[in-house]
Amino acid sequence: MTSFGLMELLLIGVVLLVAVGPERLPKVTRDVGRLYGRMRRAADDLRRALVLEADRADEEDRLRELRRKRAEAEKARKAAAEAKGEDGAAPAGPQPQRPPDAPPEPSPSPEEPSEGTADDDAIPPG
């Protein structure tokens, strides 16, 4: 905004005094002050409304982006589930090759207690 110096303010005061007159000058300055306050509040309200609208639009953009990402993640999850198969088994395809010098994998067998375990000592024969 434009800033006024002391000389400019005195000149405006003298012009107002001559134009309005000394009797009405206090009432006119009060009315001008009230008008200035209303204009300032209206400008603040407008600024606040514009900021709120911009924030709302930004939130809508972020929400759209999150929904788009969620849809992409859901598609990827479904594609991965379909690739695995409906029963949850790994897809039939080439299995990774084991190096020839790797030890053989143990075959799955039911666990049986070995001799000398704590289970043998728990119940005495008898």
Protein backbone atom coordinates (compact mmCIF):
# COMPACT_ATOMS: atom_id res chain seq x y z
CA MET A 1 0.00 0.00 0.00
CA THR A 2 0.96 3.60 -0.36
CA SER A 3 2.49 5.18 2.71
CA PHE A 4 1.80 8.78 3.55
CA GLY A 5 4.24 11.14 5.21
CA LEU A 6 3.40 13.77 7.79
CA MET A 7 3.04 16.53 5.18
CA GLU A 8 0.57 14.49 3.09
CA LEU A 9 -1.58 13.69 6.14
CA LEU A 10 -1.63 17.37 7.20
CA LEU A 11 -2.65 18.41 3.67
CA ILE A 12 -5.50 15.85 3.66
CA GLY A 13 -6.62 17.10 7.10
CA VAL A 14 -6.69 20.73 5.97
CA VAL A 15 -8.63 19.86 2.79
CA LEU A 16 -11.15 17.86 4.86
CA LEU A 17 -11.52 20.71 7.36
CA VAL A 18 -12.20 23.20 4.57
CA ALA A 19 -14.49 20.88 2.57
CA VAL A 20 -16.57 19.48 5.47
CA GLY A 21 -16.36 22.19 8.07
CA PRO A 22 -15.32 22.07 11.72
CA GLU A 23 -18.81 21.09 12.96
CA ARG A 24 -19.18 17.94 10.89
CA LEU A 25 -15.49 16.88 10.80
CA PRO A 26 -15.65 14.55 13.87
CA LYS A 27 -18.73 12.73 12.53
CA VAL A 28 -17.23 12.40 9.02
CA THR A 29 -13.93 11.05 10.35
CA ARG A 30 -15.85 8.54 12.53
CA ASP A 31 -17.89 7.42 9.52
CA VAL A 32 -14.77 7.15 7.36
CA GLY A 33 -13.07 5.08 10.08
CA ARG A 34 -16.07 2.74 10.32
CA LEU A 35 -16.18 2.38 6.53
CA TYR A 36 -12.46 1.61 6.49
CA GLY A 37 -12.98 -1.06 9.20
CA ARG A 38 -15.84 -2.67 7.26
CA MET A 39 -13.80 -2.72 4.07
CA ARG A 40 -10.87 -4.24 5.91
CA ARG A 41 -13.05 -6.96 7.49
CA ALA A 42 -14.64 -7.70 4.11
CA ALA A 43 -11.19 -8.03 2.54
CA ASP A 44 -10.09 -10.36 5.37
CA ASP A 45 -13.24 -12.47 4.96
CA LEU A 46 -12.67 -12.70 1.22
CA ARG A 47 -9.04 -13.68 1.73
CA ARG A 48 -10.05 -16.32 4.30
CA ALA A 49 -12.73 -17.71 1.96
CA LEU A 50 -10.23 -17.93 -0.90
CA VAL A 51 -7.71 -19.75 1.30
CA LEU A 52 -10.40 -22.20 2.49
CA GLU A 53 -11.48 -22.87 -1.10
CA ALA A 54 -7.90 -23.43 -2.19
CA ASP A 55 -7.35 -25.83 0.74
CA ARG A 56 -10.55 -27.70 -0.12
CA ALA A 57 -9.51 -28.04 -3.75
CA ASP A 58 -6.07 -29.26 -2.63
CA GLU A 59 -7.67 -31.85 -0.33
CA GLU A 60 -9.86 -33.09 -3.18
CA ASP A 61 -6.78 -33.46 -5.39
CA ARG A 62 -4.98 -35.41 -2.66
CA LEU A 63 -8.04 -37.61 -2.14
CA ARG A 64 -8.25 -38.35 -5.87
CA GLU A 65 -4.56 -39.23 -5.91
CA LEU A 66 -4.94 -41.56 -2.89
CA ARG A 67 -7.92 -43.29 -4.48
CA ARG A 68 -5.97 -43.74 -7.71
CA LYS A 69 -3.02 -45.23 -5.82
CA ARG A 70 -5.34 -47.51 -3.86
CA ALA A 71 -6.93 -48.76 -7.09
CA GLU A 72 -3.47 -49.42 -8.57
CA ALA A 73 -2.42 -51.32 -5.43
CA GLU A 74 -5.63 -53.36 -5.53
CA LYS A 75 -5.02 -54.25 -9.18
CA ALA A 76 -1.45 -55.27 -8.38
CA ARG A 77 -2.65 -57.39 -5.45
CA LYS A 78 -5.27 -59.11 -7.61
CA ALA A 79 -2.72 -59.73 -10.35
CA ALA A 80 -0.33 -61.26 -7.81
CA ALA A 81 -3.11 -63.45 -6.41
CA GLU A 82 -4.03 -64.62 -9.91
CA ALA A 83 -0.39 -65.34 -10.67
CA LYS A 84 -0.14 -67.50 -7.56
CA GLY A 85 -3.28 -69.34 -8.44
CA GLU A 86 -6.59 -69.50 -6.69
CA ASP A 87 -5.49 -72.20 -4.23
CA GLY A 88 -2.57 -70.11 -3.02
CA ALA A 89 0.05 -72.42 -4.51
CA ALA A 90 3.03 -71.02 -6.32
CA PRO A 91 2.61 -70.82 -10.09
CA ALA A 92 3.78 -73.84 -12.03
CA GLY A 93 6.91 -72.85 -13.84
CA PRO A 94 10.64 -73.28 -13.76
CA GLN A 95 11.93 -73.82 -10.25
CA PRO A 96 15.21 -72.23 -9.19
CA GLN A 97 18.18 -74.50 -9.85
CA ARG A 98 20.25 -75.68 -6.91
CA PRO A 99 24.01 -75.67 -7.28
CA PRO A 100 25.39 -79.18 -7.86
CA ASP A 101 27.63 -79.08 -4.77
CA ALA A 102 24.76 -78.08 -2.38
CA PRO A 103 23.82 -80.60 0.31
CA PRO A 104 20.53 -82.42 -0.24
CA GLU A 105 17.45 -80.98 1.40
CA PRO A 106 16.04 -83.06 4.25
CA SER A 107 12.77 -84.77 3.43
CA PRO A 108 9.85 -83.76 5.58
CA SER A 109 9.02 -86.46 8.13
CA PRO A 110 6.88 -86.52 11.25
CA GLU A 111 8.84 -85.65 14.31
CA GLU A 112 9.45 -88.59 16.59
CA PRO A 113 11.11 -88.27 19.96
CA SER A 114 14.64 -89.57 19.94
CA GLU A 115 16.11 -91.82 22.61
CA GLY A 116 17.20 -90.14 25.80
CA THR A 117 14.81 -87.21 25.65
CA ALA A 118 13.14 -85.66 28.64
CA ASP A 119 9.87 -87.41 27.74
CA ASP A 120 11.43 -90.81 28.57
CA ASP A 121 12.40 -89.64 32.04
CA ALA A 122 9.09 -87.98 32.89
CA ILE A 123 7.03 -91.16 33.53
CA PRO A 124 8.77 -94.02 35.28
CA PRO A 125 7.86 -97.52 34.03
CA GLY A 126 5.68 -99.36 36.14
